[in-house]
Amino acid sequence: MDNGDALAGVAYGLFEIYLNSGLRACGPYLFERVENQEDFQEDFEEIFEKFQEDYPQLAGSLLDCFGSTANTYGMLCSGEGVIPSRTTQMYWIVQDAPGIRPVESDDEKMGKWLIFISSEEADKIWKKIRGATCAGTLGISAKASTAKENPESRDDRVVIFVYTSDWEDKKDVMRVREELHQLGVTWRIGYKRNIETYQGKYSENGKKVTYYSV
């Protein structure tokens, strides 16, 4: 990947965050507009114009890469940044719960349920998890890997993380696990504390680093 492609990748990721924030300020989430086939191009163009004013170099990189705002809008309408199997510009799709800013949480207290799933089933499960996260009935945040090839990936399957704020709060951790079961995640999954991730610990050769397994 050359420097131009790398900058465009960073620019696109930041623009999606900027876009989602702008869309939520005036109406539904991006995914709701896309899945309801809503025409939101006017809102999109206004938000891109503001992004261009705030981050001219990043906006220029996006236009260089995709050709026009119309092309970028078309990508979004086709599922880019919304549906894991149709997302090729970002490694992850992220959804935070309402009123929650995970960056303000204590990272070392946080943990996540790890859901490994085939690409054929991932879109359907992600839609359910995303909906429950938006409804505030699951964890503080969730994210799903996408179709963009990730050189750091350790598994060919899609992985979905569902975060909780405190791994010591077993009642809440298990509440989230039960909610996931109700959403269709009926097989055994593991819960990993962030502190293991930061220490670079991963499951290898049968050795597990999950804190809970249910």
Protein backbone atom coordinates (compact mmCIF):
# COMPACT_ATOMS: atom_id res chain seq x y z
CA MET A 1 0.00 0.00 0.00
CA ASP A 2 1.45 3.38 -1.01
CA ASN A 3 1.22 6.54 1.04
CA GLY A 4 -1.72 7.84 -0.98
CA ASP A 5 -3.76 4.69 -0.39
CA ALA A 6 -2.85 4.71 3.29
CA LEU A 7 -3.97 8.32 3.68
CA ALA A 8 -7.21 7.62 1.81
CA GLY A 9 -7.89 4.68 4.15
CA VAL A 10 -7.38 6.85 7.22
CA ALA A 11 -9.43 9.65 5.67
CA TYR A 12 -12.32 7.33 4.90
CA GLY A 13 -12.40 5.91 8.43
CA LEU A 14 -12.41 9.39 9.96
CA PHE A 15 -15.04 10.60 7.52
CA GLU A 16 -17.40 7.75 8.44
CA ILE A 17 -17.15 8.75 12.11
CA TYR A 18 -17.74 12.39 11.15
CA LEU A 19 -20.65 11.41 8.88
CA ASN A 20 -22.34 9.23 11.48
CA SER A 21 -22.10 12.02 14.04
CA GLY A 22 -23.57 14.53 11.60
CA LEU A 23 -26.39 12.24 10.52
CA ARG A 24 -27.34 11.41 14.11
CA ALA A 25 -27.50 15.13 14.90
CA CYS A 26 -30.28 15.55 12.35
CA GLY A 27 -31.95 12.14 12.24
CA PRO A 28 -31.44 8.36 12.02
CA TYR A 29 -28.18 6.41 12.01
CA LEU A 30 -26.36 5.84 8.72
CA PHE A 31 -27.28 2.15 8.77
CA GLU A 32 -30.98 2.96 9.22
CA ARG A 33 -30.94 5.29 6.22
CA VAL A 34 -29.11 2.77 4.05
CA GLU A 35 -31.22 -0.23 5.03
CA ASN A 36 -34.44 1.76 4.63
CA GLN A 37 -33.19 2.92 1.20
CA GLU A 38 -33.64 6.53 2.25
CA ASP A 39 -32.34 9.29 0.00
CA PHE A 40 -29.97 11.20 2.29
CA GLN A 41 -27.64 12.63 -0.35
CA GLU A 42 -28.45 16.23 0.57
CA ASP A 43 -27.46 15.60 4.20
CA PHE A 44 -24.40 13.70 3.00
CA GLU A 45 -23.23 16.57 0.78
CA GLU A 46 -23.69 19.13 3.57
CA ILE A 47 -21.70 17.01 6.00
CA PHE A 48 -18.94 16.37 3.46
CA GLU A 49 -18.70 20.12 2.84
CA LYS A 50 -18.17 20.69 6.57
CA PHE A 51 -15.62 17.85 6.67
CA GLN A 52 -13.79 19.50 3.76
CA GLU A 53 -13.67 22.79 5.67
CA ASP A 54 -12.37 21.11 8.83
CA TYR A 55 -10.01 18.60 7.19
CA PRO A 56 -9.13 19.81 3.68
CA GLN A 57 -6.23 17.38 3.17
CA LEU A 58 -8.28 14.35 4.19
CA ALA A 59 -11.24 15.42 2.08
CA GLY A 60 -8.92 15.93 -0.88
CA SER A 61 -7.50 12.44 -0.40
CA LEU A 62 -11.02 10.98 -0.48
CA LEU A 63 -11.86 12.82 -3.69
CA ASP A 64 -8.59 11.70 -5.26
CA CYS A 65 -9.32 8.10 -4.34
CA PHE A 66 -13.03 7.86 -5.15
CA GLY A 67 -13.39 10.54 -7.80
CA SER A 68 -16.39 12.43 -6.43
CA THR A 69 -18.74 12.77 -3.50
CA ALA A 70 -21.40 11.06 -5.62
CA ASN A 71 -19.20 7.96 -5.87
CA THR A 72 -18.63 7.95 -2.12
CA TYR A 73 -22.34 8.33 -1.47
CA GLY A 74 -23.03 5.45 -3.86
CA MET A 75 -20.61 3.22 -1.94
CA LEU A 76 -22.43 3.96 1.31
CA CYS A 77 -25.80 3.18 -0.24
CA SER A 78 -24.45 -0.19 -1.38
CA GLY A 79 -23.53 -1.11 2.20
CA GLU A 80 -20.00 0.22 2.70
CA GLY A 81 -19.51 0.82 6.42
CA VAL A 82 -22.87 -0.78 7.21
CA ILE A 83 -22.74 -4.43 6.15
CA PRO A 84 -19.57 -6.42 6.99
CA SER A 85 -19.50 -8.43 3.74
CA ARG A 86 -19.86 -5.25 1.66
CA THR A 87 -17.31 -3.13 3.52
CA THR A 88 -13.88 -2.97 1.90
CA GLN A 89 -12.57 0.45 2.98
CA MET A 90 -12.34 -0.19 6.75
CA TYR A 91 -11.20 -3.14 8.85
CA TRP A 92 -14.00 -2.68 11.39
CA ILE A 93 -17.58 -1.44 11.67
CA VAL A 94 -18.17 0.02 15.11
CA GLN A 95 -21.41 0.76 16.95
CA ASP A 96 -21.50 2.38 20.38
CA ALA A 97 -24.47 2.27 22.72
CA PRO A 98 -26.43 5.54 23.12
CA GLY A 99 -24.77 8.01 25.46
CA ILE A 100 -21.67 5.83 25.75
CA ARG A 101 -18.14 6.87 24.83
CA PRO A 102 -15.91 3.81 25.26
CA VAL A 103 -12.80 5.99 24.93
CA GLU A 104 -13.78 7.53 28.27
CA SER A 105 -14.05 4.13 29.96
CA ASP A 106 -11.26 2.47 31.89
CA ASP A 107 -9.59 0.35 29.20
CA GLU A 108 -8.11 -2.12 31.65
CA LYS A 109 -11.51 -2.76 33.20
CA MET A 110 -13.17 -3.41 29.87
CA GLY A 111 -13.53 -6.77 28.16
CA LYS A 112 -15.41 -8.31 25.26
CA TRP A 113 -17.28 -11.38 24.16
CA LEU A 114 -15.61 -12.84 21.05
CA ILE A 115 -17.96 -14.20 18.40
CA PHE A 116 -16.30 -16.02 15.50
CA ILE A 117 -18.70 -16.70 12.68
CA SER A 118 -18.71 -17.58 8.99
CA SER A 119 -18.94 -14.71 6.53
CA GLU A 120 -22.22 -16.19 5.26
CA GLU A 121 -23.85 -15.74 8.70
CA ALA A 122 -22.03 -12.63 9.89
CA ASP A 123 -24.21 -9.96 8.27
CA LYS A 124 -27.39 -11.34 9.86
CA ILE A 125 -25.88 -11.70 13.35
CA TRP A 126 -24.19 -8.31 13.15
CA LYS A 127 -27.51 -6.63 12.30
CA LYS A 128 -29.08 -8.11 15.45
CA ILE A 129 -26.12 -7.19 17.67
CA ARG A 130 -25.94 -3.68 16.25
CA GLY A 131 -29.67 -3.20 16.85
CA ALA A 132 -29.46 -4.38 20.46
CA THR A 133 -26.44 -2.14 21.06
CA CYS A 134 -28.31 0.88 19.70
CA ALA A 135 -31.28 -0.03 21.89
CA GLY A 136 -29.03 -0.04 24.96
CA THR A 137 -29.86 -3.63 25.85
CA LEU A 138 -26.45 -5.19 25.16
CA GLY A 139 -22.95 -3.93 25.97
CA ILE A 140 -21.34 -0.50 25.76
CA SER A 141 -20.08 -1.06 22.21
CA ALA A 142 -19.75 -3.66 19.46
CA LYS A 143 -17.66 -4.02 16.35
CA ALA A 144 -17.42 -6.44 13.43
CA SER A 145 -14.53 -7.27 11.12
CA THR A 146 -15.18 -6.64 7.44
CA ALA A 147 -14.33 -7.87 3.96
CA LYS A 148 -11.20 -5.70 3.88
CA GLU A 149 -8.22 -8.05 4.11
CA ASN A 150 -6.49 -7.48 7.43
CA PRO A 151 -2.82 -8.53 7.59
CA GLU A 152 -3.09 -8.78 11.39
CA SER A 153 -6.08 -11.15 11.34
CA ARG A 154 -5.52 -14.53 13.00
CA ASP A 155 -8.68 -16.16 11.66
CA ASP A 156 -10.43 -16.39 8.28
CA ARG A 157 -13.83 -16.04 9.91
CA VAL A 158 -15.57 -12.79 10.74
CA VAL A 159 -15.15 -11.79 14.38
CA ILE A 160 -17.63 -9.65 16.31
CA PHE A 161 -16.64 -8.09 19.64
CA VAL A 162 -19.28 -7.11 22.18
CA TYR A 163 -17.78 -4.96 24.93
CA THR A 164 -18.70 -4.55 28.58
CA SER A 165 -17.35 -1.84 30.87
CA ASP A 166 -16.08 -4.01 33.73
CA TRP A 167 -14.88 -7.61 33.48
CA GLU A 168 -15.20 -7.92 37.28
CA ASP A 169 -18.94 -7.24 37.05
CA LYS A 170 -19.81 -10.86 36.35
CA LYS A 171 -23.54 -10.21 36.61
CA ASP A 172 -23.42 -7.68 33.79
CA VAL A 173 -21.00 -9.77 31.71
CA MET A 174 -23.34 -12.77 31.94
CA ARG A 175 -26.39 -10.59 31.29
CA VAL A 176 -24.82 -9.59 27.99
CA ARG A 177 -24.02 -13.24 27.24
CA GLU A 178 -27.66 -14.18 27.79
CA GLU A 179 -28.78 -11.37 25.50
CA LEU A 180 -26.42 -12.70 22.83
CA HIS A 181 -27.94 -16.16 23.24
CA GLN A 182 -31.37 -14.64 22.65
CA LEU A 183 -30.04 -12.98 19.51
CA GLY A 184 -28.94 -16.32 18.09
CA VAL A 185 -25.39 -16.78 19.43
CA THR A 186 -26.20 -20.18 20.93
CA TRP A 187 -22.76 -21.79 20.71
CA ARG A 188 -19.99 -21.49 23.33
CA ILE A 189 -18.02 -18.26 23.09
CA GLY A 190 -15.23 -16.72 25.12
CA TYR A 191 -14.86 -13.44 27.00
CA LYS A 192 -11.46 -11.77 26.94
CA ARG A 193 -10.28 -8.98 29.20
CA ASN A 194 -8.60 -6.00 27.52
CA ILE A 195 -5.57 -6.45 29.74
CA GLU A 196 -4.82 -9.77 27.97
CA THR A 197 -5.14 -8.08 24.59
CA TYR A 198 -2.77 -5.28 25.60
CA GLN A 199 -0.27 -7.87 26.79
CA GLY A 200 -0.39 -9.51 23.36
CA LYS A 201 -1.91 -12.75 24.62
CA TYR A 202 -3.84 -14.82 22.10
CA SER A 203 -5.20 -18.36 21.99
CA GLU A 204 -2.65 -20.64 20.35
CA ASN A 205 -2.08 -24.39 20.16
CA GLY A 206 -5.05 -25.13 22.40
CA LYS A 207 -4.00 -22.58 25.02
CA LYS A 208 -6.92 -20.30 25.87
CA VAL A 209 -6.68 -16.77 27.24
CA THR A 210 -10.40 -16.17 27.67
CA TYR A 211 -11.53 -15.22 31.17
CA TYR A 212 -15.05 -16.62 30.81
CA SER A 213 -16.33 -19.26 28.42
CA VAL A 214 -20.06 -19.87 28.10
